[in-house]
Amino acid sequence: MPDESAEVSDNEREHLIRLLQQGVGLGLLSLDECTERTEKALRAHNRDQLRAVLLDLPELAAQVIDVAKPVELEVVGGRLIRQGRWTVPGRLRVQACRSQVVLDFTQAELLRPIVRLELRLDRSAARLTVPRDMAVHTDEIKATTWELTDRTRLTQPATRRLVLSGEVSRGMLEVLPAQRSLFQRIWHSMT
């Protein structure tokens, strides 16, 4: 059970403020109400106070992601793909059997600076793409008959972390850095 008295992160506040802005667009809130609720969200110290901002708006409250509770994704005999703009909670659990998993964190909205990803891969392949400022920790993975390829190298200080745990059985896990744009590659080759 999540600790409702736990201090909220700036990312959680920002997520809620974006929901309030959506509420204005949907006609659920006036601009004045949005401003007042935004100020309350910015002053919130714990999750109870943050949730109180949306208490009377169930349409928006249902979209609040509980970062303490892991979001579970499961696939059997298929593909699980998350890329582009998607919201990543503090904890994510992925179970895959005879499947392909692609998680691209480069444009994702991370609700916490540390993301804990628990992988349960059985005869599956997973490819994780991370921003260049994200450190990846693979020490907590238990594995049998598997292949790990970690091509990430920090070229700048890590501002975010991806901590991997779980089990990989007869599978493959590949961790890649985000691709640089053509301009970035040219500039990097000149310096």
C-alpha atoms as a PDB file:
ATOM      1  CA  MET A   1       0.000   0.000   0.000  1.00  0.00           C
ATOM      2  CA  PRO A   2       1.456   3.384  -0.979  1.00  0.00           C
ATOM      3  CA  ASP A   3       2.472   5.796   1.734  1.00  0.00           C
ATOM      4  CA  GLU A   4       0.062   8.703   1.259  1.00  0.00           C
ATOM      5  CA  SER A   5       2.052  10.855   3.674  1.00  0.00           C
ATOM      6  CA  ALA A   6       5.227  10.472   1.575  1.00  0.00           C
ATOM      7  CA  GLU A   7       6.634  13.646   0.088  1.00  0.00           C
ATOM      8  CA  VAL A   8       5.637  14.221  -3.524  1.00  0.00           C
ATOM      9  CA  SER A   9       8.136  14.887  -6.269  1.00  0.00           C
ATOM     10  CA  ASP A  10       8.187  17.870  -8.602  1.00  0.00           C
ATOM     11  CA  ASN A  11       7.368  15.496 -11.456  1.00  0.00           C
ATOM     12  CA  GLU A  12       4.197  14.359  -9.666  1.00  0.00           C
ATOM     13  CA  ARG A  13       3.162  17.990  -9.160  1.00  0.00           C
ATOM     14  CA  GLU A  14       3.860  18.800 -12.815  1.00  0.00           C
ATOM     15  CA  HIS A  15       1.826  15.779 -13.948  1.00  0.00           C
ATOM     16  CA  LEU A  16      -1.133  16.950 -11.870  1.00  0.00           C
ATOM     17  CA  ILE A  17      -0.818  20.513 -13.179  1.00  0.00           C
ATOM     18  CA  ARG A  18      -0.937  19.189 -16.755  1.00  0.00           C
ATOM     19  CA  LEU A  19      -4.134  17.344 -15.819  1.00  0.00           C
ATOM     20  CA  LEU A  20      -5.583  20.613 -14.502  1.00  0.00           C
ATOM     21  CA  GLN A  21      -4.712  22.294 -17.799  1.00  0.00           C
ATOM     22  CA  GLN A  22      -6.486  19.473 -19.644  1.00  0.00           C
ATOM     23  CA  GLY A  23      -9.476  20.115 -17.377  1.00  0.00           C
ATOM     24  CA  VAL A  24      -9.612  23.708 -18.621  1.00  0.00           C
ATOM     25  CA  GLY A  25      -9.501  22.460 -22.210  1.00  0.00           C
ATOM     26  CA  LEU A  26     -12.353  20.040 -21.490  1.00  0.00           C
ATOM     27  CA  GLY A  27     -14.436  22.762 -19.856  1.00  0.00           C
ATOM     28  CA  LEU A  28     -14.281  21.141 -16.407  1.00  0.00           C
ATOM     29  CA  LEU A  29     -12.470  24.135 -14.845  1.00  0.00           C
ATOM     30  CA  SER A  30     -12.345  27.865 -15.391  1.00  0.00           C
ATOM     31  CA  LEU A  31      -8.967  29.582 -15.669  1.00  0.00           C
ATOM     32  CA  ASP A  32      -9.382  31.019 -12.161  1.00  0.00           C
ATOM     33  CA  GLU A  33     -10.159  27.563 -10.725  1.00  0.00           C
ATOM     34  CA  CYS A  34      -7.166  26.103 -12.542  1.00  0.00           C
ATOM     35  CA  THR A  35      -4.892  28.829 -11.155  1.00  0.00           C
ATOM     36  CA  GLU A  36      -6.169  28.282  -7.615  1.00  0.00           C
ATOM     37  CA  ARG A  37      -5.754  24.502  -7.833  1.00  0.00           C
ATOM     38  CA  THR A  38      -2.312  24.852  -9.416  1.00  0.00           C
ATOM     39  CA  GLU A  39      -1.200  26.939  -6.435  1.00  0.00           C
ATOM     40  CA  LYS A  40      -2.515  24.240  -4.070  1.00  0.00           C
ATOM     41  CA  ALA A  41      -0.683  21.550  -6.042  1.00  0.00           C
ATOM     42  CA  LEU A  42       2.562  23.503  -5.829  1.00  0.00           C
ATOM     43  CA  ARG A  43       2.160  23.844  -2.047  1.00  0.00           C
ATOM     44  CA  ALA A  44       1.266  20.147  -1.541  1.00  0.00           C
ATOM     45  CA  HIS A  45       3.741  18.267   0.640  1.00  0.00           C
ATOM     46  CA  ASN A  46       2.268  14.756   0.437  1.00  0.00           C
ATOM     47  CA  ARG A  47       0.086  12.648  -1.845  1.00  0.00           C
ATOM     48  CA  ASP A  48      -3.060  13.223   0.215  1.00  0.00           C
ATOM     49  CA  GLN A  49      -2.734  16.976  -0.261  1.00  0.00           C
ATOM     50  CA  LEU A  50      -2.001  16.519  -3.959  1.00  0.00           C
ATOM     51  CA  ARG A  51      -5.010  14.243  -4.517  1.00  0.00           C
ATOM     52  CA  ALA A  52      -7.280  16.699  -2.699  1.00  0.00           C
ATOM     53  CA  VAL A  53      -6.738  19.127  -5.579  1.00  0.00           C
ATOM     54  CA  LEU A  54      -8.706  16.774  -7.875  1.00  0.00           C
ATOM     55  CA  LEU A  55     -11.111  15.319  -5.326  1.00  0.00           C
ATOM     56  CA  ASP A  56     -14.247  16.694  -7.000  1.00  0.00           C
ATOM     57  CA  LEU A  57     -13.043  15.941 -10.559  1.00  0.00           C
ATOM     58  CA  PRO A  58     -13.181  12.141 -11.004  1.00  0.00           C
ATOM     59  CA  GLU A  59     -12.554  12.483 -14.760  1.00  0.00           C
ATOM     60  CA  LEU A  60      -9.101  13.881 -14.026  1.00  0.00           C
ATOM     61  CA  ALA A  61      -8.411  12.071 -10.740  1.00  0.00           C
ATOM     62  CA  ALA A  62      -8.587   8.725 -12.577  1.00  0.00           C
ATOM     63  CA  GLN A  63      -5.576   9.808 -14.647  1.00  0.00           C
ATOM     64  CA  VAL A  64      -3.294  10.415 -11.657  1.00  0.00           C
ATOM     65  CA  ILE A  65      -0.607   7.780 -11.657  1.00  0.00           C
ATOM     66  CA  ASP A  66       0.338   6.340  -8.297  1.00  0.00           C
ATOM     67  CA  VAL A  67       4.134   6.304  -8.457  1.00  0.00           C
ATOM     68  CA  ALA A  68       4.420   4.128  -5.353  1.00  0.00           C
ATOM     69  CA  LYS A  69       2.439   1.282  -6.904  1.00  0.00           C
ATOM     70  CA  PRO A  70       4.111  -0.490  -9.815  1.00  0.00           C
ATOM     71  CA  VAL A  71       2.403  -0.288 -13.171  1.00  0.00           C
ATOM     72  CA  GLU A  72       2.199  -3.800 -14.585  1.00  0.00           C
ATOM     73  CA  LEU A  73       2.525  -4.601 -18.277  1.00  0.00           C
ATOM     74  CA  GLU A  74       2.170  -8.162 -19.550  1.00  0.00           C
ATOM     75  CA  VAL A  75       2.474  -9.770 -22.971  1.00  0.00           C
ATOM     76  CA  VAL A  76       2.352 -13.396 -24.098  1.00  0.00           C
ATOM     77  CA  GLY A  77       3.343 -14.314 -27.639  1.00  0.00           C
ATOM     78  CA  GLY A  78       3.265 -10.760 -28.956  1.00  0.00           C
ATOM     79  CA  ARG A  79       4.884  -7.354 -28.829  1.00  0.00           C
ATOM     80  CA  LEU A  80       4.847  -4.734 -26.109  1.00  0.00           C
ATOM     81  CA  ILE A  81       5.992  -1.346 -27.353  1.00  0.00           C
ATOM     82  CA  ARG A  82       6.154   1.938 -25.446  1.00  0.00           C
ATOM     83  CA  GLN A  83       7.826   4.803 -27.278  1.00  0.00           C
ATOM     84  CA  GLY A  84       7.365   8.485 -27.960  1.00  0.00           C
ATOM     85  CA  ARG A  85       5.620  10.448 -25.203  1.00  0.00           C
ATOM     86  CA  TRP A  86       4.436   8.106 -22.461  1.00  0.00           C
ATOM     87  CA  THR A  87       4.280   8.471 -18.702  1.00  0.00           C
ATOM     88  CA  VAL A  88       6.665   6.342 -16.651  1.00  0.00           C
ATOM     89  CA  PRO A  89       5.884   5.884 -12.958  1.00  0.00           C
ATOM     90  CA  GLY A  90       8.532   5.332 -10.311  1.00  0.00           C
ATOM     91  CA  ARG A  91       8.003   1.560 -10.528  1.00  0.00           C
ATOM     92  CA  LEU A  92       7.246  -0.516 -13.589  1.00  0.00           C
ATOM     93  CA  ARG A  93       6.853  -4.301 -13.837  1.00  0.00           C
ATOM     94  CA  VAL A  94       7.039  -6.048 -17.231  1.00  0.00           C
ATOM     95  CA  GLN A  95       6.219  -9.722 -17.731  1.00  0.00           C
ATOM     96  CA  ALA A  96       6.804 -11.264 -21.150  1.00  0.00           C
ATOM     97  CA  CYS A  97       6.682 -14.837 -22.422  1.00  0.00           C
ATOM     98  CA  ARG A  98       7.789 -15.640 -25.974  1.00  0.00           C
ATOM     99  CA  SER A  99       7.504 -11.959 -26.823  1.00  0.00           C
ATOM    100  CA  GLN A 100       9.324  -8.840 -27.896  1.00  0.00           C
ATOM    101  CA  VAL A 101       9.459  -5.853 -25.536  1.00  0.00           C
ATOM    102  CA  VAL A 102      10.529  -2.373 -26.658  1.00  0.00           C
ATOM    103  CA  LEU A 103      10.656   0.398 -24.062  1.00  0.00           C
ATOM    104  CA  ASP A 104      11.977   3.746 -25.270  1.00  0.00           C
ATOM    105  CA  PHE A 105      12.529   6.201 -22.421  1.00  0.00           C
ATOM    106  CA  THR A 106      14.030   9.011 -24.527  1.00  0.00           C
ATOM    107  CA  GLN A 107      10.834  11.106 -24.858  1.00  0.00           C
ATOM    108  CA  ALA A 108       8.998   9.600 -21.894  1.00  0.00           C
ATOM    109  CA  GLU A 109       7.763  11.681 -18.984  1.00  0.00           C
ATOM    110  CA  LEU A 110       9.465  10.234 -15.899  1.00  0.00           C
ATOM    111  CA  LEU A 111       7.514  10.888 -12.704  1.00  0.00           C
ATOM    112  CA  ARG A 112      10.593  10.115 -10.589  1.00  0.00           C
ATOM    113  CA  PRO A 113      14.308  10.639 -11.220  1.00  0.00           C
ATOM    114  CA  ILE A 114      14.828   6.970 -10.327  1.00  0.00           C
ATOM    115  CA  VAL A 115      12.768   4.403 -12.240  1.00  0.00           C
ATOM    116  CA  ARG A 116      12.708   0.852 -10.905  1.00  0.00           C
ATOM    117  CA  LEU A 117      11.960  -1.596 -13.718  1.00  0.00           C
ATOM    118  CA  GLU A 118      11.297  -5.203 -12.771  1.00  0.00           C
ATOM    119  CA  LEU A 119      11.611  -7.541 -15.741  1.00  0.00           C
ATOM    120  CA  ARG A 120      10.213 -11.078 -15.890  1.00  0.00           C
ATOM    121  CA  LEU A 121      11.307 -12.324 -19.308  1.00  0.00           C
ATOM    122  CA  ASP A 122      10.816 -15.936 -20.383  1.00  0.00           C
ATOM    123  CA  ARG A 123      12.090 -16.754 -23.881  1.00  0.00           C
ATOM    124  CA  SER A 124      11.681 -13.093 -24.767  1.00  0.00           C
ATOM    125  CA  ALA A 125      13.785 -10.254 -26.113  1.00  0.00           C
ATOM    126  CA  ALA A 126      13.725  -6.778 -24.626  1.00  0.00           C
ATOM    127  CA  ARG A 127      15.269  -3.583 -25.969  1.00  0.00           C
ATOM    128  CA  LEU A 128      15.468  -0.539 -23.711  1.00  0.00           C
ATOM    129  CA  THR A 129      16.496   2.831 -25.135  1.00  0.00           C
ATOM    130  CA  VAL A 130      17.498   5.446 -22.588  1.00  0.00           C
ATOM    131  CA  PRO A 131      18.432   9.143 -22.721  1.00  0.00           C
ATOM    132  CA  ARG A 132      22.142   9.872 -22.622  1.00  0.00           C
ATOM    133  CA  ASP A 133      21.875  11.385 -19.119  1.00  0.00           C
ATOM    134  CA  MET A 134      20.313   8.234 -17.617  1.00  0.00           C
ATOM    135  CA  ALA A 135      22.488   5.780 -15.710  1.00  0.00           C
ATOM    136  CA  VAL A 136      21.436   2.133 -16.002  1.00  0.00           C
ATOM    137  CA  HIS A 137      21.983  -0.422 -13.217  1.00  0.00           C
ATOM    138  CA  THR A 138      21.683  -4.105 -14.157  1.00  0.00           C
ATOM    139  CA  ASP A 139      23.181  -5.703 -11.034  1.00  0.00           C
ATOM    140  CA  GLU A 140      19.861  -6.896  -9.606  1.00  0.00           C
ATOM    141  CA  ILE A 141      18.862  -9.101 -12.550  1.00  0.00           C
ATOM    142  CA  LYS A 142      18.901 -12.859 -12.007  1.00  0.00           C
ATOM    143  CA  ALA A 143      19.346 -14.758 -15.207  1.00  0.00           C
ATOM    144  CA  THR A 144      19.700 -18.187 -16.756  1.00  0.00           C
ATOM    145  CA  THR A 145      20.793 -18.700 -20.360  1.00  0.00           C
ATOM    146  CA  TRP A 146      20.532 -15.116 -21.435  1.00  0.00           C
ATOM    147  CA  GLU A 147      22.382 -12.383 -23.215  1.00  0.00           C
ATOM    148  CA  LEU A 148      22.831  -8.844 -21.913  1.00  0.00           C
ATOM    149  CA  THR A 149      24.096  -6.065 -24.103  1.00  0.00           C
ATOM    150  CA  ASP A 150      24.511  -2.733 -22.337  1.00  0.00           C
ATOM    151  CA  ARG A 151      25.782  -0.127 -24.782  1.00  0.00           C
ATOM    152  CA  THR A 152      25.130   2.854 -22.576  1.00  0.00           C
ATOM    153  CA  ARG A 153      28.041   5.015 -21.570  1.00  0.00           C
ATOM    154  CA  LEU A 154      27.501   8.190 -19.675  1.00  0.00           C
ATOM    155  CA  THR A 155      28.940  11.095 -21.609  1.00  0.00           C
ATOM    156  CA  GLN A 156      27.488  13.594 -19.151  1.00  0.00           C
ATOM    157  CA  PRO A 157      26.516  13.484 -15.472  1.00  0.00           C
ATOM    158  CA  ALA A 158      23.555  11.224 -14.739  1.00  0.00           C
ATOM    159  CA  THR A 159      20.447  13.153 -13.760  1.00  0.00           C
ATOM    160  CA  ARG A 160      18.190  10.085 -13.875  1.00  0.00           C
ATOM    161  CA  ARG A 161      18.576   6.393 -13.100  1.00  0.00           C
ATOM    162  CA  LEU A 162      17.022   3.203 -14.387  1.00  0.00           C
ATOM    163  CA  VAL A 163      17.395   0.346 -11.907  1.00  0.00           C
ATOM    164  CA  LEU A 164      16.696  -3.042 -13.466  1.00  0.00           C
ATOM    165  CA  SER A 165      15.741  -6.109 -11.443  1.00  0.00           C
ATOM    166  CA  GLY A 166      13.886  -9.360 -11.965  1.00  0.00           C
ATOM    167  CA  GLU A 167      14.556 -12.542 -13.892  1.00  0.00           C
ATOM    168  CA  VAL A 168      15.489 -13.293 -17.470  1.00  0.00           C
ATOM    169  CA  SER A 169      15.236 -16.899 -18.581  1.00  0.00           C
ATOM    170  CA  ARG A 170      16.437 -17.934 -22.044  1.00  0.00           C
ATOM    171  CA  GLY A 171      16.144 -14.418 -23.334  1.00  0.00           C
ATOM    172  CA  MET A 172      17.957 -11.321 -24.442  1.00  0.00           C
ATOM    173  CA  LEU A 173      18.136  -7.854 -22.916  1.00  0.00           C
ATOM    174  CA  GLU A 174      19.640  -4.966 -24.852  1.00  0.00           C
ATOM    175  CA  VAL A 175      20.111  -1.481 -23.367  1.00  0.00           C
ATOM    176  CA  LEU A 176      20.901   1.257 -25.858  1.00  0.00           C
ATOM    177  CA  PRO A 177      21.558   4.990 -25.601  1.00  0.00           C
ATOM    178  CA  ALA A 178      19.305   7.372 -27.522  1.00  0.00           C
ATOM    179  CA  GLN A 179      20.455   8.078 -31.045  1.00  0.00           C
ATOM    180  CA  ARG A 180      21.963  11.478 -31.631  1.00  0.00           C
ATOM    181  CA  SER A 181      20.528  13.696 -34.313  1.00  0.00           C
ATOM    182  CA  LEU A 182      22.554  14.186 -37.487  1.00  0.00           C
ATOM    183  CA  PHE A 183      23.602  17.650 -36.265  1.00  0.00           C
ATOM    184  CA  GLN A 184      24.747  16.220 -32.909  1.00  0.00           C
ATOM    185  CA  ARG A 185      26.774  13.463 -34.634  1.00  0.00           C
ATOM    186  CA  ILE A 186      28.492  15.974 -36.934  1.00  0.00           C
ATOM    187  CA  TRP A 187      29.204  18.373 -34.066  1.00  0.00           C
ATOM    188  CA  HIS A 188      30.513  15.530 -31.870  1.00  0.00           C
ATOM    189  CA  SER A 189      32.838  14.308 -34.639  1.00  0.00           C
ATOM    190  CA  MET A 190      34.276  17.832 -35.058  1.00  0.00           C
ATOM    191  CA  THR A 191      35.091  18.299 -31.357  1.00  0.00           C
END
